[in-house]
Amino acid sequence: TSITRAFPLVAFFVLAYGLSWLILVPAGFGLLPDSASVLAWLAPFGPAVAAFVVTGLTGGRSAVGQLLRRLVQWRVGVGWYLLVLLGIPLVELLGAFVVIGSVPLGDLAQNWAVIFTGYLPAVVYVAIFTGMGEEPGWRGFALPRLQDRHGPLLATAVLAVVWGMWHLPNVLFGGWTGLSFSLWMALTIASAFIYTWVYNNTGGSVLMAALLHGAINGGTTLVTGLLPGFVDELHMPLYGAVALAFAVAAVVLVVATRGRLGYQAQRTYLEVSPRS
């Protein structure tokens, strides 16, 4: 407990990796019985569990309550919902158009219904079963501590790498190539700057971070649904397009906010005990 209070971020990262990899690695090697397949649904919640455990040890009930409130912090202004739900897939589509070199109006017109049959259901599903598993940890716990210590840019870069590498079991056992992983890692790192900007500007809302997670993942469903030829087995054209789009968006946000990404040093989303 004393080590956790002294090094809360290290404790969180170790626990987040450990809880998730304890499921993902044996599953990847086929060591889990079929009856244990339900554990795969629990693996994304490693960061959330780690966040609440370390928060409880360092800040007690009041800090846990504060984190719980940010999980349901929905009063952030309708504009942010529109930006996340409409802006993110639009950015991804623009990236796809750049890669394609033209706008295939025929495909868009014929497949528009995927917005309701594919995109929106994917947003809800991912926000609940992935976003709420990861974001209480990455954005709810780690990001504010890293920002208070290192500022928004370095904090986002560090968290992006740690967050991306947490996915290694999925990559290693998913048959990815070095190029597909590199493209996916690039879009993950670029998207982290969008997460930070949204998180800071919505008062530390973990709910909005989870919704953003859903929109990003669901947006790829929308792109491949609207442009059915824009995908291969390893998703390299898709990952390349989204990486390009998010990289441009990240640069624009960094320049427009002068590197602050909405961060205010005097504002804190942390509540820790004096012993920490």
C-alpha atoms as a PDB file:
ATOM      1  CA  THR A   1       0.000   0.000   0.000  1.00  0.00           C
ATOM      2  CA  SER A   2       2.829   2.426   0.841  1.00  0.00           C
ATOM      3  CA  ILE A   3       4.447   1.673  -2.541  1.00  0.00           C
ATOM      4  CA  THR A   4       1.131   2.306  -4.285  1.00  0.00           C
ATOM      5  CA  ARG A   5       0.767   5.672  -2.551  1.00  0.00           C
ATOM      6  CA  ALA A   6       4.337   6.594  -3.458  1.00  0.00           C
ATOM      7  CA  PHE A   7       4.056   5.493  -7.108  1.00  0.00           C
ATOM      8  CA  PRO A   8       0.344   5.501  -8.027  1.00  0.00           C
ATOM      9  CA  LEU A   9       0.884   5.712 -11.793  1.00  0.00           C
ATOM     10  CA  VAL A  10       3.364   2.834 -11.836  1.00  0.00           C
ATOM     11  CA  ALA A  11       1.014   0.778  -9.677  1.00  0.00           C
ATOM     12  CA  PHE A  12      -1.885   1.540 -11.999  1.00  0.00           C
ATOM     13  CA  PHE A  13      -0.003   0.642 -15.182  1.00  0.00           C
ATOM     14  CA  VAL A  14       1.334  -2.615 -13.733  1.00  0.00           C
ATOM     15  CA  LEU A  15      -2.086  -3.643 -12.457  1.00  0.00           C
ATOM     16  CA  ALA A  16      -3.878  -2.632 -15.668  1.00  0.00           C
ATOM     17  CA  TYR A  17      -1.483  -4.697 -17.768  1.00  0.00           C
ATOM     18  CA  GLY A  18      -1.490  -7.586 -15.327  1.00  0.00           C
ATOM     19  CA  LEU A  19      -5.251  -7.932 -14.993  1.00  0.00           C
ATOM     20  CA  SER A  20      -5.856  -7.828 -18.745  1.00  0.00           C
ATOM     21  CA  TRP A  21      -2.844  -9.851 -19.886  1.00  0.00           C
ATOM     22  CA  LEU A  22      -3.613 -12.543 -17.311  1.00  0.00           C
ATOM     23  CA  ILE A  23      -6.623 -13.283 -19.524  1.00  0.00           C
ATOM     24  CA  LEU A  24      -5.391 -12.304 -22.998  1.00  0.00           C
ATOM     25  CA  VAL A  25      -2.058 -14.152 -23.018  1.00  0.00           C
ATOM     26  CA  PRO A  26      -3.351 -17.587 -21.921  1.00  0.00           C
ATOM     27  CA  ALA A  27      -6.316 -17.135 -24.260  1.00  0.00           C
ATOM     28  CA  GLY A  28      -3.962 -16.330 -27.123  1.00  0.00           C
ATOM     29  CA  PHE A  29      -2.039 -19.546 -26.535  1.00  0.00           C
ATOM     30  CA  GLY A  30      -5.291 -21.509 -26.363  1.00  0.00           C
ATOM     31  CA  LEU A  31      -4.776 -22.397 -22.709  1.00  0.00           C
ATOM     32  CA  LEU A  32      -8.241 -21.345 -21.551  1.00  0.00           C
ATOM     33  CA  PRO A  33     -11.115 -23.822 -21.881  1.00  0.00           C
ATOM     34  CA  ASP A  34     -14.113 -22.907 -23.995  1.00  0.00           C
ATOM     35  CA  SER A  35     -16.120 -22.466 -20.816  1.00  0.00           C
ATOM     36  CA  ALA A  36     -13.794 -19.594 -19.879  1.00  0.00           C
ATOM     37  CA  SER A  37     -14.541 -17.604 -23.026  1.00  0.00           C
ATOM     38  CA  VAL A  38     -16.535 -15.167 -20.906  1.00  0.00           C
ATOM     39  CA  LEU A  39     -13.186 -13.976 -19.559  1.00  0.00           C
ATOM     40  CA  ALA A  40     -12.487 -12.359 -22.926  1.00  0.00           C
ATOM     41  CA  TRP A  41     -15.316  -9.961 -22.164  1.00  0.00           C
ATOM     42  CA  LEU A  42     -13.628  -9.019 -18.909  1.00  0.00           C
ATOM     43  CA  ALA A  43     -10.144  -8.321 -20.305  1.00  0.00           C
ATOM     44  CA  PRO A  44     -10.915  -4.736 -21.443  1.00  0.00           C
ATOM     45  CA  PHE A  45     -11.954  -3.878 -17.889  1.00  0.00           C
ATOM     46  CA  GLY A  46      -8.448  -4.365 -16.511  1.00  0.00           C
ATOM     47  CA  PRO A  47      -7.675  -0.606 -16.658  1.00  0.00           C
ATOM     48  CA  ALA A  48     -10.977   0.289 -14.981  1.00  0.00           C
ATOM     49  CA  VAL A  49     -10.466  -2.178 -12.142  1.00  0.00           C
ATOM     50  CA  ALA A  50      -6.873  -1.010 -11.719  1.00  0.00           C
ATOM     51  CA  ALA A  51      -8.009   2.617 -11.606  1.00  0.00           C
ATOM     52  CA  PHE A  52     -10.533   2.009  -8.853  1.00  0.00           C
ATOM     53  CA  VAL A  53      -8.167  -0.164  -6.814  1.00  0.00           C
ATOM     54  CA  VAL A  54      -5.317   2.360  -6.892  1.00  0.00           C
ATOM     55  CA  THR A  55      -7.721   5.282  -6.410  1.00  0.00           C
ATOM     56  CA  GLY A  56      -9.153   3.593  -3.337  1.00  0.00           C
ATOM     57  CA  LEU A  57      -5.714   2.902  -1.894  1.00  0.00           C
ATOM     58  CA  THR A  58      -4.402   6.434  -2.479  1.00  0.00           C
ATOM     59  CA  GLY A  59      -7.499   8.560  -1.957  1.00  0.00           C
ATOM     60  CA  GLY A  60     -10.066   6.508  -0.111  1.00  0.00           C
ATOM     61  CA  ARG A  61     -13.834   6.575  -0.575  1.00  0.00           C
ATOM     62  CA  SER A  62     -14.049  10.230  -1.533  1.00  0.00           C
ATOM     63  CA  ALA A  63     -11.641   9.744  -4.450  1.00  0.00           C
ATOM     64  CA  VAL A  64     -13.484   6.622  -5.602  1.00  0.00           C
ATOM     65  CA  GLY A  65     -16.742   8.552  -5.458  1.00  0.00           C
ATOM     66  CA  GLN A  66     -15.247  11.345  -7.527  1.00  0.00           C
ATOM     67  CA  LEU A  67     -14.108   8.885 -10.207  1.00  0.00           C
ATOM     68  CA  LEU A  68     -17.542   7.270 -10.227  1.00  0.00           C
ATOM     69  CA  ARG A  69     -19.197  10.658 -10.744  1.00  0.00           C
ATOM     70  CA  ARG A  70     -16.994  11.354 -13.746  1.00  0.00           C
ATOM     71  CA  LEU A  71     -18.147   8.062 -15.271  1.00  0.00           C
ATOM     72  CA  VAL A  72     -21.672   9.502 -15.521  1.00  0.00           C
ATOM     73  CA  GLN A  73     -20.763  13.140 -16.115  1.00  0.00           C
ATOM     74  CA  TRP A  74     -23.072  13.808 -19.054  1.00  0.00           C
ATOM     75  CA  ARG A  75     -23.772  17.549 -18.757  1.00  0.00           C
ATOM     76  CA  VAL A  76     -21.058  18.761 -21.100  1.00  0.00           C
ATOM     77  CA  GLY A  77     -23.077  20.623 -23.727  1.00  0.00           C
ATOM     78  CA  VAL A  78     -24.808  19.189 -26.779  1.00  0.00           C
ATOM     79  CA  GLY A  79     -22.049  20.487 -29.037  1.00  0.00           C
ATOM     80  CA  TRP A  80     -19.577  17.963 -27.682  1.00  0.00           C
ATOM     81  CA  TYR A  81     -21.955  15.081 -28.363  1.00  0.00           C
ATOM     82  CA  LEU A  82     -22.410  16.291 -31.935  1.00  0.00           C
ATOM     83  CA  LEU A  83     -18.687  16.767 -32.400  1.00  0.00           C
ATOM     84  CA  VAL A  84     -17.881  13.268 -31.150  1.00  0.00           C
ATOM     85  CA  LEU A  85     -20.718  11.416 -32.866  1.00  0.00           C
ATOM     86  CA  LEU A  86     -20.616  13.300 -36.180  1.00  0.00           C
ATOM     87  CA  GLY A  87     -17.163  14.862 -36.329  1.00  0.00           C
ATOM     88  CA  ILE A  88     -15.119  11.724 -35.671  1.00  0.00           C
ATOM     89  CA  PRO A  89     -16.631   9.568 -38.446  1.00  0.00           C
ATOM     90  CA  LEU A  90     -16.465  12.555 -40.799  1.00  0.00           C
ATOM     91  CA  VAL A  91     -12.725  12.915 -40.128  1.00  0.00           C
ATOM     92  CA  GLU A  92     -12.262   9.194 -40.757  1.00  0.00           C
ATOM     93  CA  LEU A  93     -14.214   9.408 -44.018  1.00  0.00           C
ATOM     94  CA  LEU A  94     -12.126  12.345 -45.166  1.00  0.00           C
ATOM     95  CA  GLY A  95      -9.017  10.291 -44.541  1.00  0.00           C
ATOM     96  CA  ALA A  96     -10.484   7.466 -46.612  1.00  0.00           C
ATOM     97  CA  PHE A  97     -11.268   9.847 -49.466  1.00  0.00           C
ATOM     98  CA  VAL A  98      -7.680  11.081 -49.463  1.00  0.00           C
ATOM     99  CA  VAL A  99      -6.395   7.499 -49.747  1.00  0.00           C
ATOM    100  CA  ILE A 100      -8.922   6.620 -52.452  1.00  0.00           C
ATOM    101  CA  GLY A 101      -8.280   9.834 -54.323  1.00  0.00           C
ATOM    102  CA  SER A 102     -11.944  10.578 -55.012  1.00  0.00           C
ATOM    103  CA  VAL A 103     -15.374  10.597 -53.405  1.00  0.00           C
ATOM    104  CA  PRO A 104     -17.350   7.486 -54.501  1.00  0.00           C
ATOM    105  CA  LEU A 105     -20.796   9.070 -54.446  1.00  0.00           C
ATOM    106  CA  GLY A 106     -22.448   5.898 -55.716  1.00  0.00           C
ATOM    107  CA  ASP A 107     -21.208   3.822 -52.778  1.00  0.00           C
ATOM    108  CA  LEU A 108     -22.175   6.538 -50.312  1.00  0.00           C
ATOM    109  CA  ALA A 109     -25.699   6.799 -51.731  1.00  0.00           C
ATOM    110  CA  GLN A 110     -26.284   3.055 -51.801  1.00  0.00           C
ATOM    111  CA  ASN A 111     -24.950   2.269 -48.337  1.00  0.00           C
ATOM    112  CA  TRP A 112     -26.139   5.221 -46.238  1.00  0.00           C
ATOM    113  CA  ALA A 113     -28.315   2.979 -44.052  1.00  0.00           C
ATOM    114  CA  VAL A 114     -25.151   1.613 -42.402  1.00  0.00           C
ATOM    115  CA  ILE A 115     -25.187   4.778 -40.280  1.00  0.00           C
ATOM    116  CA  PHE A 116     -28.145   3.291 -38.380  1.00  0.00           C
ATOM    117  CA  THR A 117     -27.498  -0.423 -38.833  1.00  0.00           C
ATOM    118  CA  GLY A 118     -23.752  -0.421 -38.249  1.00  0.00           C
ATOM    119  CA  TYR A 119     -22.290   2.826 -36.956  1.00  0.00           C
ATOM    120  CA  LEU A 120     -24.633   3.845 -34.147  1.00  0.00           C
ATOM    121  CA  PRO A 121     -25.021   0.305 -32.713  1.00  0.00           C
ATOM    122  CA  ALA A 122     -21.221  -0.038 -32.791  1.00  0.00           C
ATOM    123  CA  VAL A 123     -20.815   3.251 -30.933  1.00  0.00           C
ATOM    124  CA  VAL A 124     -23.113   2.098 -28.134  1.00  0.00           C
ATOM    125  CA  TYR A 125     -21.573  -1.370 -27.928  1.00  0.00           C
ATOM    126  CA  VAL A 126     -17.958  -0.172 -27.882  1.00  0.00           C
ATOM    127  CA  ALA A 127     -18.687   2.677 -25.462  1.00  0.00           C
ATOM    128  CA  ILE A 128     -20.160   0.227 -22.942  1.00  0.00           C
ATOM    129  CA  PHE A 129     -18.016  -2.886 -23.321  1.00  0.00           C
ATOM    130  CA  THR A 130     -14.687  -1.323 -24.301  1.00  0.00           C
ATOM    131  CA  GLY A 131     -14.837   2.388 -23.485  1.00  0.00           C
ATOM    132  CA  MET A 132     -16.118   1.883 -19.965  1.00  0.00           C
ATOM    133  CA  GLY A 133     -13.526  -0.837 -19.470  1.00  0.00           C
ATOM    134  CA  GLU A 134     -10.537   1.219 -20.599  1.00  0.00           C
ATOM    135  CA  GLU A 135     -11.305   4.905 -20.167  1.00  0.00           C
ATOM    136  CA  PRO A 136     -11.796   5.043 -16.383  1.00  0.00           C
ATOM    137  CA  GLY A 137      -8.153   3.990 -16.296  1.00  0.00           C
ATOM    138  CA  TRP A 138      -6.429   5.690 -19.225  1.00  0.00           C
ATOM    139  CA  ARG A 139      -8.259   9.006 -19.144  1.00  0.00           C
ATOM    140  CA  GLY A 140      -9.978   8.907 -15.739  1.00  0.00           C
ATOM    141  CA  PHE A 141      -6.942   7.929 -13.670  1.00  0.00           C
ATOM    142  CA  ALA A 142      -3.697   8.250 -15.647  1.00  0.00           C
ATOM    143  CA  LEU A 143      -4.217  11.318 -17.839  1.00  0.00           C
ATOM    144  CA  PRO A 144      -4.899  13.924 -15.119  1.00  0.00           C
ATOM    145  CA  ARG A 145      -1.936  12.735 -13.075  1.00  0.00           C
ATOM    146  CA  LEU A 146       0.374  12.773 -16.080  1.00  0.00           C
ATOM    147  CA  GLN A 147      -0.856  16.214 -17.138  1.00  0.00           C
ATOM    148  CA  ASP A 148      -0.350  17.697 -13.692  1.00  0.00           C
ATOM    149  CA  ARG A 149       3.199  16.366 -13.707  1.00  0.00           C
ATOM    150  CA  HIS A 150       4.318  16.774 -17.325  1.00  0.00           C
ATOM    151  CA  GLY A 151       1.814  19.036 -19.088  1.00  0.00           C
ATOM    152  CA  PRO A 152      -0.720  17.971 -21.739  1.00  0.00           C
ATOM    153  CA  LEU A 153       1.576  17.201 -24.685  1.00  0.00           C
ATOM    154  CA  LEU A 154       4.137  14.969 -22.995  1.00  0.00           C
ATOM    155  CA  ALA A 155       1.414  13.403 -20.851  1.00  0.00           C
ATOM    156  CA  THR A 156      -0.609  12.494 -23.933  1.00  0.00           C
ATOM    157  CA  ALA A 157       2.411  11.092 -25.752  1.00  0.00           C
ATOM    158  CA  VAL A 158       3.461   8.924 -22.796  1.00  0.00           C
ATOM    159  CA  LEU A 159      -0.061   7.664 -22.198  1.00  0.00           C
ATOM    160  CA  ALA A 160      -0.537   6.942 -25.909  1.00  0.00           C
ATOM    161  CA  VAL A 161       2.468   4.621 -25.979  1.00  0.00           C
ATOM    162  CA  VAL A 162       1.513   2.829 -22.750  1.00  0.00           C
ATOM    163  CA  TRP A 163      -2.094   2.519 -23.938  1.00  0.00           C
ATOM    164  CA  GLY A 164      -1.044   1.235 -27.355  1.00  0.00           C
ATOM    165  CA  MET A 165       1.386  -1.347 -25.978  1.00  0.00           C
ATOM    166  CA  TRP A 166      -1.313  -2.639 -23.632  1.00  0.00           C
ATOM    167  CA  HIS A 167      -2.930  -4.032 -26.803  1.00  0.00           C
ATOM    168  CA  LEU A 168       0.109  -6.182 -27.673  1.00  0.00           C
ATOM    169  CA  PRO A 169      -1.572  -9.535 -26.910  1.00  0.00           C
ATOM    170  CA  ASN A 170      -4.352  -8.662 -29.367  1.00  0.00           C
ATOM    171  CA  VAL A 171      -1.735  -7.795 -31.965  1.00  0.00           C
ATOM    172  CA  LEU A 172       0.553 -10.791 -31.376  1.00  0.00           C
ATOM    173  CA  PHE A 173      -2.248 -13.323 -31.453  1.00  0.00           C
ATOM    174  CA  GLY A 174      -4.266 -11.569 -34.143  1.00  0.00           C
ATOM    175  CA  GLY A 175      -1.966 -12.373 -37.047  1.00  0.00           C
ATOM    176  CA  TRP A 176      -0.987  -8.761 -37.681  1.00  0.00           C
ATOM    177  CA  THR A 177       2.043  -7.783 -39.745  1.00  0.00           C
ATOM    178  CA  GLY A 178       4.637  -5.231 -38.732  1.00  0.00           C
ATOM    179  CA  LEU A 179       3.138  -2.695 -41.144  1.00  0.00           C
ATOM    180  CA  SER A 180      -0.447  -3.147 -39.981  1.00  0.00           C
ATOM    181  CA  PHE A 181       0.649  -2.815 -36.346  1.00  0.00           C
ATOM    182  CA  SER A 182       2.669   0.311 -37.152  1.00  0.00           C
ATOM    183  CA  LEU A 183      -0.307   1.941 -38.874  1.00  0.00           C
ATOM    184  CA  TRP A 184      -2.613   0.976 -36.014  1.00  0.00           C
ATOM    185  CA  MET A 185      -0.121   2.306 -33.459  1.00  0.00           C
ATOM    186  CA  ALA A 186       0.148   5.569 -35.398  1.00  0.00           C
ATOM    187  CA  LEU A 187      -3.611   6.106 -35.394  1.00  0.00           C
ATOM    188  CA  THR A 188      -3.761   5.172 -31.694  1.00  0.00           C
ATOM    189  CA  ILE A 189      -1.086   7.714 -30.761  1.00  0.00           C
ATOM    190  CA  ALA A 190      -2.692  10.424 -32.919  1.00  0.00           C
ATOM    191  CA  SER A 191      -6.142   9.728 -31.473  1.00  0.00           C
ATOM    192  CA  ALA A 192      -4.770  10.168 -27.935  1.00  0.00           C
ATOM    193  CA  PHE A 193      -4.429  13.904 -28.561  1.00  0.00           C
ATOM    194  CA  ILE A 194      -8.103  14.052 -29.561  1.00  0.00           C
ATOM    195  CA  TYR A 195      -9.016  12.176 -26.368  1.00  0.00           C
ATOM    196  CA  THR A 196      -7.052  14.644 -24.247  1.00  0.00           C
ATOM    197  CA  TRP A 197      -8.681  17.635 -25.939  1.00  0.00           C
ATOM    198  CA  VAL A 198     -12.204  16.255 -25.462  1.00  0.00           C
ATOM    199  CA  TYR A 199     -11.505  15.116 -21.897  1.00  0.00           C
ATOM    200  CA  ASN A 200     -10.086  18.476 -20.818  1.00  0.00           C
ATOM    201  CA  ASN A 201     -12.869  20.465 -22.435  1.00  0.00           C
ATOM    202  CA  THR A 202     -15.668  18.381 -20.937  1.00  0.00           C
ATOM    203  CA  GLY A 203     -14.529  18.798 -17.333  1.00  0.00           C
ATOM    204  CA  GLY A 204     -12.828  15.406 -17.099  1.00  0.00           C
ATOM    205  CA  SER A 205     -15.844  13.420 -18.287  1.00  0.00           C
ATOM    206  CA  VAL A 206     -14.948   9.746 -18.536  1.00  0.00           C
ATOM    207  CA  LEU A 207     -18.345   9.188 -20.122  1.00  0.00           C
ATOM    208  CA  MET A 208     -17.372  11.402 -23.048  1.00  0.00           C
ATOM    209  CA  ALA A 209     -14.042   9.583 -23.376  1.00  0.00           C
ATOM    210  CA  ALA A 210     -15.920   6.277 -23.558  1.00  0.00           C
ATOM    211  CA  LEU A 211     -18.305   7.718 -26.141  1.00  0.00           C
ATOM    212  CA  LEU A 212     -15.329   8.979 -28.152  1.00  0.00           C
ATOM    213  CA  HIS A 213     -13.865   5.478 -27.994  1.00  0.00           C
ATOM    214  CA  GLY A 214     -17.125   4.174 -29.399  1.00  0.00           C
ATOM    215  CA  ALA A 215     -17.220   6.790 -32.155  1.00  0.00           C
ATOM    216  CA  ILE A 216     -13.649   6.075 -33.250  1.00  0.00           C
ATOM    217  CA  ASN A 217     -14.161   2.317 -33.427  1.00  0.00           C
ATOM    218  CA  GLY A 218     -17.659   2.657 -34.804  1.00  0.00           C
ATOM    219  CA  GLY A 219     -16.411   5.145 -37.373  1.00  0.00           C
ATOM    220  CA  THR A 220     -14.283   2.422 -38.945  1.00  0.00           C
ATOM    221  CA  THR A 221     -17.460   0.355 -39.263  1.00  0.00           C
ATOM    222  CA  LEU A 222     -19.083   3.292 -41.016  1.00  0.00           C
ATOM    223  CA  VAL A 223     -16.150   3.777 -43.407  1.00  0.00           C
ATOM    224  CA  THR A 224     -16.040   0.120 -44.433  1.00  0.00           C
ATOM    225  CA  GLY A 225     -19.834   0.032 -44.662  1.00  0.00           C
ATOM    226  CA  LEU A 226     -20.081   3.087 -46.882  1.00  0.00           C
ATOM    227  CA  LEU A 227     -17.029   2.059 -48.921  1.00  0.00           C
ATOM    228  CA  PRO A 228     -17.260  -1.755 -49.083  1.00  0.00           C
ATOM    229  CA  GLY A 229     -14.138  -2.072 -51.247  1.00  0.00           C
ATOM    230  CA  PHE A 230     -12.024  -0.134 -48.783  1.00  0.00           C
ATOM    231  CA  VAL A 231     -10.735  -2.992 -46.690  1.00  0.00           C
ATOM    232  CA  ASP A 232      -8.389  -5.956 -46.846  1.00  0.00           C
ATOM    233  CA  GLU A 233      -7.757  -8.800 -44.444  1.00  0.00           C
ATOM    234  CA  LEU A 234      -5.341  -6.786 -42.305  1.00  0.00           C
ATOM    235  CA  HIS A 235      -7.223  -3.460 -42.654  1.00  0.00           C
ATOM    236  CA  MET A 236      -4.095  -1.646 -43.807  1.00  0.00           C
ATOM    237  CA  PRO A 237      -5.849   0.844 -46.133  1.00  0.00           C
ATOM    238  CA  LEU A 238      -8.322   1.597 -43.338  1.00  0.00           C
ATOM    239  CA  TYR A 239      -5.669   1.992 -40.648  1.00  0.00           C
ATOM    240  CA  GLY A 240      -3.567   4.121 -42.960  1.00  0.00           C
ATOM    241  CA  ALA A 241      -6.480   6.412 -43.788  1.00  0.00           C
ATOM    242  CA  VAL A 242      -7.533   6.835 -40.155  1.00  0.00           C
ATOM    243  CA  ALA A 243      -3.929   7.333 -39.014  1.00  0.00           C
ATOM    244  CA  LEU A 244      -3.499  10.085 -41.609  1.00  0.00           C
ATOM    245  CA  ALA A 245      -6.788  11.767 -40.684  1.00  0.00           C
ATOM    246  CA  PHE A 246      -6.147  11.661 -36.937  1.00  0.00           C
ATOM    247  CA  ALA A 247      -2.563  12.848 -37.348  1.00  0.00           C
ATOM    248  CA  VAL A 248      -3.778  15.928 -39.229  1.00  0.00           C
ATOM    249  CA  ALA A 249      -6.525  16.498 -36.634  1.00  0.00           C
ATOM    250  CA  ALA A 250      -4.011  16.155 -33.788  1.00  0.00           C
ATOM    251  CA  VAL A 251      -1.643  18.691 -35.347  1.00  0.00           C
ATOM    252  CA  VAL A 252      -4.519  21.124 -35.895  1.00  0.00           C
ATOM    253  CA  LEU A 253      -5.629  20.763 -32.265  1.00  0.00           C
ATOM    254  CA  VAL A 254      -2.112  21.210 -30.898  1.00  0.00           C
ATOM    255  CA  VAL A 255      -1.510  24.306 -33.010  1.00  0.00           C
ATOM    256  CA  ALA A 256      -4.970  25.802 -32.384  1.00  0.00           C
ATOM    257  CA  THR A 257      -4.690  25.350 -28.603  1.00  0.00           C
ATOM    258  CA  ARG A 258      -0.987  26.294 -28.500  1.00  0.00           C
ATOM    259  CA  GLY A 259      -0.208  22.919 -27.038  1.00  0.00           C
ATOM    260  CA  ARG A 260      -2.668  23.200 -24.162  1.00  0.00           C
ATOM    261  CA  LEU A 261      -5.388  20.899 -25.528  1.00  0.00           C
ATOM    262  CA  GLY A 262      -7.856  22.522 -23.145  1.00  0.00           C
ATOM    263  CA  TYR A 263      -5.716  21.811 -20.087  1.00  0.00           C
ATOM    264  CA  GLN A 264      -5.975  24.206 -17.145  1.00  0.00           C
ATOM    265  CA  ALA A 265      -3.274  23.772 -14.538  1.00  0.00           C
ATOM    266  CA  GLN A 266      -5.450  25.125 -11.747  1.00  0.00           C
ATOM    267  CA  ARG A 267      -8.191  22.595 -12.452  1.00  0.00           C
ATOM    268  CA  THR A 268      -7.756  19.122 -11.042  1.00  0.00           C
ATOM    269  CA  TYR A 269      -9.883  15.990 -11.282  1.00  0.00           C
ATOM    270  CA  LEU A 270      -7.909  14.325  -8.546  1.00  0.00           C
ATOM    271  CA  GLU A 271      -8.727  13.841  -4.916  1.00  0.00           C
ATOM    272  CA  VAL A 272      -6.078  12.071  -2.906  1.00  0.00           C
ATOM    273  CA  SER A 273      -5.386  11.696   0.762  1.00  0.00           C
ATOM    274  CA  PRO A 274      -2.580  13.669   2.452  1.00  0.00           C
ATOM    275  CA  ARG A 275      -0.669  10.414   2.917  1.00  0.00           C
ATOM    276  CA  SER A 276      -0.209  10.025  -0.868  1.00  0.00           C
END
